[in-house]
Amino acid sequence: MAIDPRELRNVMGHFATGVTVITTTDKEGRPFGLTANAFTSLSLNPPLVLVCVDKTVDCYPCFEQSKVFVVNILTEAQEHLSRRFATKGIDKFAGVAYHTGECGAPVLEDTMGHIECKIVNAYEGGDHTIYIGEILTASASGDRPLLFFKGKYYHLPQ
């Protein structure tokens, strides 16, 4: 018996996560990105992470074109960025401060941290593709994370 997709989404929403914006570029080098909580550390040796990218997002082809991505870990003050990069049909980088990282993909300014990766493997995962990224550089600060739980944003208590 198959589970109803809405019920599955409800159940999965009970797992609290941090919030990231995954950025990459298209073949012309233009920046693209999406909000994602389907991200995890995979291996320390070699240094690997994985991200799961919905096949219907505008920037989906960019991952195959660029072969790189950056995981930008959002602070509790960056809920607006999470919402912006989750919105379809807009220029997500208009007015957003970023610089080009060593891998050539956008690194958002003032995040809690970022992880620059080159794609080393891709696997089919239903309506998503699972990208394995080898970590090229990483940086983090001591800011407070933006959290997502049961469809809402949360902040750690002071």
Protein backbone atom coordinates (compact mmCIF):
# COMPACT_ATOMS: atom_id res chain seq x y z
CA MET A 1 0.00 0.00 0.00
CA ALA A 2 1.48 3.34 -1.09
CA ILE A 3 1.56 6.25 1.33
CA ASP A 4 -0.27 9.43 0.36
CA PRO A 5 2.26 12.11 -0.70
CA ARG A 6 0.61 14.73 1.54
CA GLU A 7 0.80 12.43 4.55
CA LEU A 8 4.43 11.62 3.77
CA ARG A 9 5.25 15.34 3.56
CA ASN A 10 3.55 15.85 6.94
CA VAL A 11 5.52 13.02 8.55
CA MET A 12 8.84 14.18 7.06
CA GLY A 13 8.12 17.70 8.34
CA HIS A 14 8.47 16.36 11.88
CA PHE A 15 12.22 16.09 11.34
CA ALA A 16 13.73 19.45 12.28
CA THR A 17 16.45 20.67 9.91
CA GLY A 18 18.72 23.58 9.25
CA VAL A 19 18.09 25.66 6.14
CA THR A 20 20.47 26.07 3.23
CA VAL A 21 20.56 27.81 -0.12
CA ILE A 22 22.31 25.69 -2.73
CA THR A 23 23.89 27.84 -5.44
CA THR A 24 25.41 27.02 -8.81
CA THR A 25 25.72 28.57 -12.27
CA ASP A 26 24.44 27.91 -15.75
CA LYS A 27 26.71 27.26 -18.74
CA GLU A 28 27.12 31.05 -19.26
CA GLY A 29 28.18 31.51 -15.63
CA ARG A 30 24.94 33.18 -14.46
CA PRO A 31 24.08 32.50 -10.81
CA PHE A 32 21.20 30.23 -9.80
CA GLY A 33 20.05 28.80 -6.51
CA LEU A 34 17.36 27.12 -4.47
CA THR A 35 16.38 26.70 -0.83
CA ALA A 36 16.98 23.17 0.43
CA ASN A 37 16.97 21.21 3.64
CA ALA A 38 17.83 17.96 1.84
CA PHE A 39 21.52 18.30 2.60
CA THR A 40 23.86 16.24 4.76
CA SER A 41 27.46 15.47 5.51
CA LEU A 42 28.41 12.17 3.91
CA SER A 43 32.09 11.45 4.56
CA LEU A 44 35.09 13.03 6.26
CA ASN A 45 37.65 11.07 4.25
CA PRO A 46 37.24 11.85 1.44
CA PRO A 47 35.34 15.03 2.37
CA LEU A 48 31.87 14.60 0.83
CA VAL A 49 28.38 16.05 1.21
CA LEU A 50 25.14 15.29 -0.58
CA VAL A 51 22.30 17.48 -1.75
CA CYS A 52 19.00 16.41 -3.24
CA VAL A 53 17.69 18.63 -6.04
CA ASP A 54 14.08 18.55 -7.25
CA LYS A 55 14.00 17.86 -10.98
CA THR A 56 11.32 20.54 -11.51
CA VAL A 57 13.27 23.56 -10.20
CA ASP A 58 14.41 26.19 -12.70
CA CYS A 59 18.09 25.64 -11.96
CA TYR A 60 18.03 21.84 -12.22
CA PRO A 61 20.00 21.73 -15.55
CA CYS A 62 22.65 24.05 -14.08
CA PHE A 63 24.06 21.32 -11.83
CA GLU A 64 24.96 19.18 -14.84
CA GLN A 65 26.25 22.21 -16.75
CA SER A 66 28.53 23.62 -14.05
CA LYS A 67 29.44 20.44 -12.12
CA VAL A 68 29.80 22.59 -8.96
CA PHE A 69 27.63 23.86 -6.13
CA VAL A 70 27.88 25.80 -2.88
CA VAL A 71 25.91 24.97 0.26
CA ASN A 72 25.16 28.28 2.01
CA ILE A 73 24.06 27.65 5.61
CA LEU A 74 21.56 30.33 6.67
CA THR A 75 21.46 32.22 9.96
CA GLU A 76 18.27 32.94 11.87
CA ALA A 77 18.37 36.48 10.41
CA GLN A 78 18.20 35.13 6.83
CA GLU A 79 14.67 33.75 6.65
CA HIS A 80 14.06 36.27 3.85
CA LEU A 81 16.76 34.54 1.77
CA SER A 82 15.20 31.15 2.36
CA ARG A 83 11.83 32.44 1.18
CA ARG A 84 13.37 34.27 -1.79
CA PHE A 85 15.28 31.23 -3.07
CA ALA A 86 12.17 29.06 -2.62
CA THR A 87 10.13 31.34 -4.90
CA LYS A 88 9.74 30.32 -8.54
CA GLY A 89 9.89 32.70 -11.50
CA ILE A 90 11.94 35.55 -9.98
CA ASP A 91 15.52 36.75 -10.29
CA LYS A 92 16.64 35.26 -6.98
CA PHE A 93 19.95 37.15 -6.95
CA ALA A 94 18.50 40.65 -7.53
CA GLY A 95 19.71 42.73 -4.59
CA VAL A 96 21.34 39.74 -2.86
CA ALA A 97 24.95 40.20 -1.73
CA TYR A 98 27.28 37.42 -2.89
CA HIS A 99 30.71 36.81 -4.32
CA THR A 100 32.04 34.15 -6.65
CA GLY A 101 33.69 31.34 -4.73
CA GLU A 102 36.80 29.40 -5.66
CA CYS A 103 34.69 26.79 -7.49
CA GLY A 104 33.01 29.50 -9.60
CA ALA A 105 29.59 29.33 -7.92
CA PRO A 106 27.97 32.09 -5.81
CA VAL A 107 28.75 32.32 -2.09
CA LEU A 108 26.08 34.31 -0.25
CA GLU A 109 27.34 37.00 2.12
CA ASP A 110 26.89 36.88 5.89
CA THR A 111 25.77 33.26 6.07
CA MET A 112 26.58 30.99 8.98
CA GLY A 113 28.91 29.10 6.70
CA HIS A 114 29.42 27.77 3.21
CA ILE A 115 30.77 24.61 1.60
CA GLU A 116 32.11 24.71 -1.97
CA CYS A 117 31.91 21.44 -3.89
CA LYS A 118 32.56 19.81 -7.21
CA ILE A 119 30.06 17.15 -8.24
CA VAL A 120 31.64 13.69 -8.24
CA ASN A 121 28.51 11.52 -8.56
CA ALA A 122 24.80 11.84 -9.32
CA TYR A 123 22.10 9.30 -8.55
CA GLU A 124 18.44 9.08 -9.46
CA GLY A 125 16.20 9.55 -6.44
CA GLY A 126 12.60 9.55 -7.67
CA ASP A 127 11.58 13.15 -8.35
CA HIS A 128 15.01 14.37 -7.17
CA THR A 129 18.63 13.84 -8.18
CA ILE A 130 21.11 13.11 -5.41
CA TYR A 131 24.36 14.96 -6.02
CA ILE A 132 27.50 13.93 -4.18
CA GLY A 133 29.91 16.83 -3.84
CA GLU A 134 33.59 16.66 -2.97
CA ILE A 135 34.33 19.52 -0.61
CA LEU A 136 36.91 21.95 -2.01
CA THR A 137 36.67 24.65 0.67
CA ALA A 138 34.53 25.26 3.74
CA SER A 139 34.07 28.05 6.25
CA ALA A 140 31.78 28.63 9.25
CA SER A 141 31.07 31.32 11.86
CA GLY A 142 29.43 31.27 15.27
CA ASP A 143 26.07 32.74 14.22
CA ARG A 144 22.75 31.18 15.15
CA PRO A 145 21.07 28.83 12.64
CA LEU A 146 17.74 29.17 10.88
CA LEU A 147 15.66 26.06 11.61
CA PHE A 148 12.68 24.49 9.82
CA PHE A 149 10.11 22.25 11.53
CA LYS A 150 6.55 21.24 10.59
CA GLY A 151 6.44 23.75 7.74
CA LYS A 152 7.56 26.76 9.81
CA TYR A 153 10.76 28.61 10.60
CA TYR A 154 12.15 28.48 14.14
CA HIS A 155 14.98 30.05 16.13
CA LEU A 156 16.93 28.55 19.01
CA PRO A 157 15.99 29.99 22.40
CA GLN A 158 18.38 32.65 23.70
